[in-house]
Protein backbone atom coordinates (compact mmCIF):
# COMPACT_ATOMS: atom_id res chain seq x y z
CA MET A 1 -0.20 -0.19 0.07
CA THR A 2 1.12 3.23 -0.93
CA GLU A 3 1.12 5.81 1.93
CA ASP A 4 -0.17 9.32 1.05
CA SER A 5 2.59 11.92 1.23
CA SER A 6 0.66 15.00 1.15
CA THR A 7 -0.11 17.26 4.68
CA ALA A 8 -3.97 16.35 4.05
CA THR A 9 -3.43 13.02 6.35
CA THR A 10 -1.90 12.93 9.95
CA LEU A 11 0.49 10.36 8.27
CA GLY A 12 1.32 12.62 5.58
CA ALA A 13 1.85 15.64 7.55
CA ARG A 14 3.86 13.97 10.23
CA GLU A 15 6.37 12.71 6.99
CA HIS A 16 6.64 15.97 5.68
CA ALA A 17 7.41 17.54 9.20
CA ARG A 18 10.14 14.65 9.84
CA ALA A 19 11.54 15.56 6.20
CA GLN A 20 12.40 19.24 7.36
CA GLY A 21 14.88 17.99 9.91
CA GLY A 22 17.98 19.38 9.32
CA ALA A 23 16.75 22.38 7.09
CA ARG A 24 18.38 25.76 7.68
CA ALA A 25 16.39 29.07 7.05
CA GLU A 26 18.08 32.71 7.14
CA ALA A 27 16.76 33.40 10.36
CA MET A 28 16.41 30.74 13.08
CA PRO A 29 18.40 29.69 16.26
CA THR A 30 21.54 27.55 16.17
CA LEU A 31 21.51 24.36 18.58
CA PRO A 32 23.67 23.67 19.88
CA ALA A 33 25.02 27.19 20.06
CA SER A 34 28.42 25.71 20.27
CA SER A 35 28.18 24.27 16.74
CA TRP A 36 27.90 28.28 15.30
CA ALA A 37 30.73 28.77 13.01
CA PRO A 38 32.80 30.78 12.86
CA PRO A 39 32.81 31.73 16.78
CA PRO A 40 34.12 35.24 17.21
CA ASP A 41 37.57 35.79 17.91
CA GLY A 42 38.94 34.52 20.89
CA VAL A 43 35.71 32.89 22.11
CA ASP A 44 36.11 29.34 22.74
CA PRO A 45 33.28 27.50 20.93
CA ALA A 46 32.31 25.45 24.41
CA THR A 47 31.21 28.51 26.05
CA LEU A 48 28.80 29.85 23.19
CA THR A 49 25.02 29.94 24.88
CA TRP A 50 23.23 31.71 22.33
CA ALA A 51 23.62 31.84 18.52
CA GLU A 52 20.72 33.10 16.61
CA THR A 53 19.99 34.96 13.30
CA VAL A 54 16.55 37.20 13.93
CA ALA A 55 15.01 38.39 10.80
CA GLY A 56 13.82 41.96 9.93
CA GLY A 57 10.36 42.26 11.63
CA GLY A 58 11.42 39.09 14.10
CA TYR A 59 12.09 38.92 17.45
CA THR A 60 14.03 36.70 20.17
CA SER A 61 14.49 36.39 24.19
CA LYS A 62 16.88 34.35 25.97
CA LEU A 63 17.65 33.73 29.86
CA ILE A 64 21.47 34.60 30.39
CA SER A 65 23.83 34.20 33.28
CA ARG A 66 25.99 36.77 35.23
CA GLY A 67 28.85 37.36 33.25
CA SER A 68 27.71 36.41 29.75
CA THR A 69 28.95 38.46 26.91
CA VAL A 70 25.65 39.26 24.17
CA ARG A 71 27.20 40.52 20.68
CA LEU A 72 24.51 41.90 18.43
CA THR A 73 25.97 42.32 14.84
CA ASP A 74 23.89 44.05 12.30
CA VAL A 75 25.01 41.90 9.53
CA ALA A 76 23.66 43.63 6.32
CA GLY A 77 23.69 47.42 7.67
CA ASP A 78 19.80 47.94 8.43
CA ALA A 79 18.87 45.63 11.59
CA CYS A 80 17.50 47.72 14.71
CA ALA A 81 17.69 46.11 17.93
CA HIS A 82 15.16 47.09 20.13
CA LEU A 83 16.56 46.06 23.81
CA LEU A 84 14.86 45.11 27.22
CA LEU A 85 16.58 43.52 29.86
CA PHE A 86 14.80 41.92 33.14
CA ASN A 87 16.53 40.80 36.19
CA ALA A 88 15.97 36.98 35.67
CA ASP A 89 15.10 36.38 39.20
CA GLN A 90 12.54 39.09 40.01
CA SER A 91 11.15 40.63 36.73
CA TRP A 92 9.82 43.55 38.26
CA GLU A 93 13.43 44.83 38.42
CA ARG A 94 14.14 46.19 34.87
CA LEU A 95 15.95 48.19 32.41
CA ASN A 96 15.26 51.70 33.16
CA VAL A 97 15.89 53.88 30.33
CA ALA A 98 15.45 57.21 32.30
CA ASP A 99 18.20 56.33 35.33
CA THR A 100 20.61 55.03 32.46
CA VAL A 101 20.47 58.50 30.94
CA LYS A 102 20.51 60.46 33.49
CA VAL A 103 22.52 58.76 36.44
CA LEU A 104 25.30 58.33 34.04
CA TRP A 105 24.74 62.04 32.65
CA GLN A 106 24.91 60.45 29.08
CA ALA A 107 22.13 60.19 26.72
CA TYR A 108 24.50 58.54 23.86
CA LEU A 109 25.15 54.97 24.12
CA GLY A 110 28.57 53.43 23.64
CA THR A 111 31.56 51.45 25.11
CA GLY A 112 31.36 52.09 29.00
CA HIS A 113 28.17 53.03 29.18
CA LEU A 114 26.14 50.97 32.13
CA LEU A 115 22.48 50.09 31.65
CA LEU A 116 20.70 50.50 34.79
CA SER A 117 17.57 49.18 36.74
CA ASP A 118 15.36 51.56 38.69
CA GLN A 119 17.00 50.20 41.84
CA GLY A 120 20.13 51.73 40.97
CA ARG A 121 21.95 48.40 40.07
CA VAL A 122 23.79 47.55 36.88
CA LEU A 123 22.01 44.93 34.38
CA ALA A 124 24.88 44.89 31.83
CA SER A 125 27.74 47.05 30.66
CA ILE A 126 28.52 48.16 27.09
CA VAL A 127 32.38 46.51 26.82
CA ALA A 128 32.82 46.69 22.94
CA ASP A 129 30.83 48.94 20.19
CA THR A 130 32.04 49.69 16.55
CA SER A 131 28.45 51.19 15.48
CA VAL A 132 28.24 54.43 17.63
CA ARG A 133 24.47 54.57 16.16
CA HIS A 134 22.40 54.11 19.02
CA ASP A 135 19.47 55.41 20.50
CA ALA A 136 18.05 55.95 24.26
CA LEU A 137 15.42 58.63 23.52
CA CYS A 138 12.61 57.33 21.14
CA GLY A 139 11.94 53.67 22.20
CA THR A 140 10.54 50.89 20.08
CA SER A 141 7.45 51.45 17.51
CA SER A 142 4.00 50.96 18.53
CA ARG A 143 1.04 49.20 16.65
CA LEU A 144 -1.04 52.62 15.98
CA ARG A 145 2.19 54.19 14.74
CA ASN A 146 2.76 51.15 12.27
CA GLU A 147 -0.54 51.24 11.16
CA GLY A 148 -0.59 54.88 10.36
CA ARG A 149 2.81 54.40 8.61
CA TYR A 150 2.77 50.91 6.87
CA GLY A 151 -0.70 49.95 6.92
CA ASP A 152 -0.37 47.15 9.79
CA GLY A 153 1.34 46.82 12.90
CA ALA A 154 0.23 43.59 14.17
CA ALA A 155 2.68 41.16 15.53
CA GLN A 156 1.65 38.55 12.82
CA GLY A 157 1.38 41.23 10.24
CA PRO A 158 3.45 42.51 7.23
CA SER A 159 4.98 45.22 9.50
CA PRO A 160 5.07 44.13 12.85
CA ALA A 161 5.29 46.89 15.75
CA GLY A 162 8.63 46.60 17.98
CA ARG A 163 6.05 46.45 21.09
CA GLU A 164 3.99 44.21 19.96
CA LEU A 165 6.81 41.50 19.25
CA GLN A 166 8.51 42.61 22.70
CA VAL A 167 4.90 41.66 24.25
CA LEU A 168 5.06 38.22 22.86
CA ALA A 169 8.60 37.77 24.09
CA ALA A 170 8.07 38.84 27.62
CA ALA A 171 5.14 36.72 27.60
CA LYS A 172 7.30 33.65 27.23
CA HIS A 173 9.11 34.52 30.37
CA GLY A 174 5.71 34.81 32.54
CA MET A 175 5.45 38.59 32.25
CA ALA A 176 2.82 40.40 30.23
CA GLY A 177 2.24 43.73 28.22
CA ARG A 178 2.39 45.93 31.45
CA ASP A 179 5.86 44.52 31.93
CA VAL A 180 7.21 45.77 28.87
CA GLY A 181 8.43 49.49 28.85
CA PRO A 182 10.92 51.89 27.52
CA GLY A 183 13.77 50.31 25.86
CA LEU A 184 17.23 50.83 23.73
CA SER A 185 17.80 50.87 20.26
CA PHE A 186 20.89 49.82 18.67
CA PHE A 187 22.42 50.42 15.08
CA LYS A 188 20.08 53.30 14.28
CA GLY A 189 21.47 57.03 15.72
CA VAL A 190 19.79 59.86 17.09
CA ARG A 191 20.74 63.15 18.21
CA ALA A 192 18.73 65.67 20.35
CA GLU A 193 19.47 69.29 18.78
CA SER A 194 19.51 72.60 21.25
CA ASP A 195 15.99 73.31 20.77
CA GLY A 196 14.88 69.39 21.61
CA ALA A 197 14.35 68.43 18.07
CA LEU A 198 15.55 64.81 17.47
CA THR A 199 17.54 64.27 14.57
CA TRP A 200 18.09 60.96 12.67
CA ILE A 201 21.55 60.07 11.74
CA GLY A 202 21.05 56.89 10.28
CA ALA A 203 22.88 53.46 10.41
CA ALA A 204 26.79 52.31 10.35
CA PRO A 205 28.41 49.88 8.16
CA ALA A 206 27.20 46.16 7.64
CA GLY A 207 28.85 44.30 10.00
CA SER A 208 29.03 46.43 13.01
CA PHE A 209 28.58 45.25 16.26
CA VAL A 210 27.88 46.03 20.04
CA GLU A 211 28.75 43.78 22.93
CA LEU A 212 26.91 43.87 26.26
CA ARG A 213 28.12 42.23 29.47
CA ALA A 214 25.57 40.81 31.83
CA GLU A 215 25.96 42.06 35.18
CA MET A 216 23.74 39.80 37.08
CA PRO A 217 21.43 37.02 35.51
CA LEU A 218 18.93 38.76 32.99
CA VAL A 219 16.43 37.90 30.72
CA VAL A 220 16.93 39.56 27.38
CA VAL A 221 14.30 40.61 25.00
CA ILE A 222 14.80 41.97 21.48
CA ALA A 223 12.71 42.98 18.59
CA ASN A 224 14.41 43.67 15.11
CA VAL A 225 12.22 46.12 13.42
CA PRO A 226 12.32 49.61 11.64
CA HIS A 227 13.40 52.73 14.17
CA PRO A 228 10.21 54.83 14.53
CA LEU A 229 12.49 57.92 13.25
CA ASP A 230 13.24 55.99 10.17
CA PRO A 231 12.51 58.35 7.23
CA ARG A 232 12.03 55.71 4.26
CA PRO A 233 8.45 55.19 3.57
CA GLU A 234 9.10 51.10 3.23
CA TYR A 235 9.15 48.76 6.34
CA THR A 236 12.77 48.54 5.94
CA CYS A 237 14.76 46.24 8.50
CA SER A 238 17.74 43.49 7.80
CA THR A 239 19.27 40.62 9.67
CA LEU A 240 20.29 40.65 13.35
CA GLU A 241 22.60 38.53 14.57
CA VAL A 242 22.84 37.26 18.26
CA LEU A 243 25.64 35.43 19.50
CA ALA A 244 25.98 34.99 23.75
CA TRP A 245 29.03 32.99 25.58
CA SER A 246 29.64 32.66 29.20
CA GLY A 247 32.48 34.51 31.26
CA PRO A 248 32.74 36.22 34.52
CA GLY A 249 31.52 39.33 35.77
CA THR A 250 33.33 42.69 35.76
CA ALA A 251 36.32 42.18 37.55
CA ALA A 252 37.24 44.34 40.82
CA SER A 253 39.86 46.06 39.27
CA ASP A 254 37.91 46.63 36.05
CA PRO A 255 38.08 50.61 35.35
CA LEU A 256 34.39 50.29 34.79
CA ARG A 257 33.81 50.12 38.30
CA THR A 258 35.51 53.74 39.18
CA ALA A 259 34.69 55.47 35.74
CA SER A 260 32.55 57.76 37.79
CA PRO A 261 31.13 58.25 41.41
CA GLU A 262 27.83 57.11 39.78
CA ALA A 263 29.32 53.90 38.22
CA GLU A 264 31.13 52.86 41.61
CA ARG A 265 28.06 53.08 43.64
CA ALA A 266 25.79 51.57 40.94
CA PHE A 267 28.27 48.23 41.11
CA LEU A 268 28.55 48.44 44.71
CA ASN A 269 24.70 48.16 44.77
CA THR A 270 24.65 45.05 42.36
CA ASP A 271 27.58 43.62 44.65
CA ASP A 272 25.39 44.00 47.52
CA TYR A 273 22.13 42.29 45.35
CA LEU A 274 24.32 39.75 44.34
CA ALA A 275 26.09 38.82 47.44
CA ALA A 276 22.81 38.52 49.41
CA ARG A 277 21.55 36.10 46.31
CA GLY A 278 24.39 34.25 46.96
CA ILE A 279 25.52 34.66 43.14
CA ARG A 280 28.96 34.96 42.17
């Protein structure tokens, strides 16, 4: 008897699904992460814990340990990674963009910038940056704005809004829409003028990357969608590469800790919390 190979039957659907084993898509996670090739320079493949390509209009999320380095790479020069960070052990503590800007007296993200929670603790540090095209002022796109610009903003639509995708990602970690606040955007730059106007300065070249070091266990949420100030009429966003590897947290002797009185206090607050939780 010849088996039906169409997906109209349970047997046919099973055979079709199994035939996809080993297939690769442009945007998907690599499992195990250690099989990603080639690994970043100087990184032992065995330490890789996250390896994924995220399509334009896509999202991802991951639980990572303290000391992990997360590298975001703008592969083709048109990615825009909209980032949220949550304390993995108590998700009510999360990235606070206002404090990240005002406590450190710097609105423009780059190497050495600390990403703070509203508890005055360091969630992550920017330890490398070849892009210098980031934004801490605008946040990600909304469904209403995308509907007005592109005709649709639903998560499953042709032009999904960043917040809609971030809500989906947060839900996978037990959170809801009320947990999704303002975030940071990487690879598309904005500058504030003296009159308060925001000027779009565009993207860095293809292959630019930024590296973040987790200073406590984190849930990382990323939506890869066009920046809300992107002037182009089309929904334009290219592939984002996400890699992470394990390592130690910021050492006691690291200049990041003493770069300013505010940084020193933020790290002391973080150390105090980690000690109470028994995290090294």
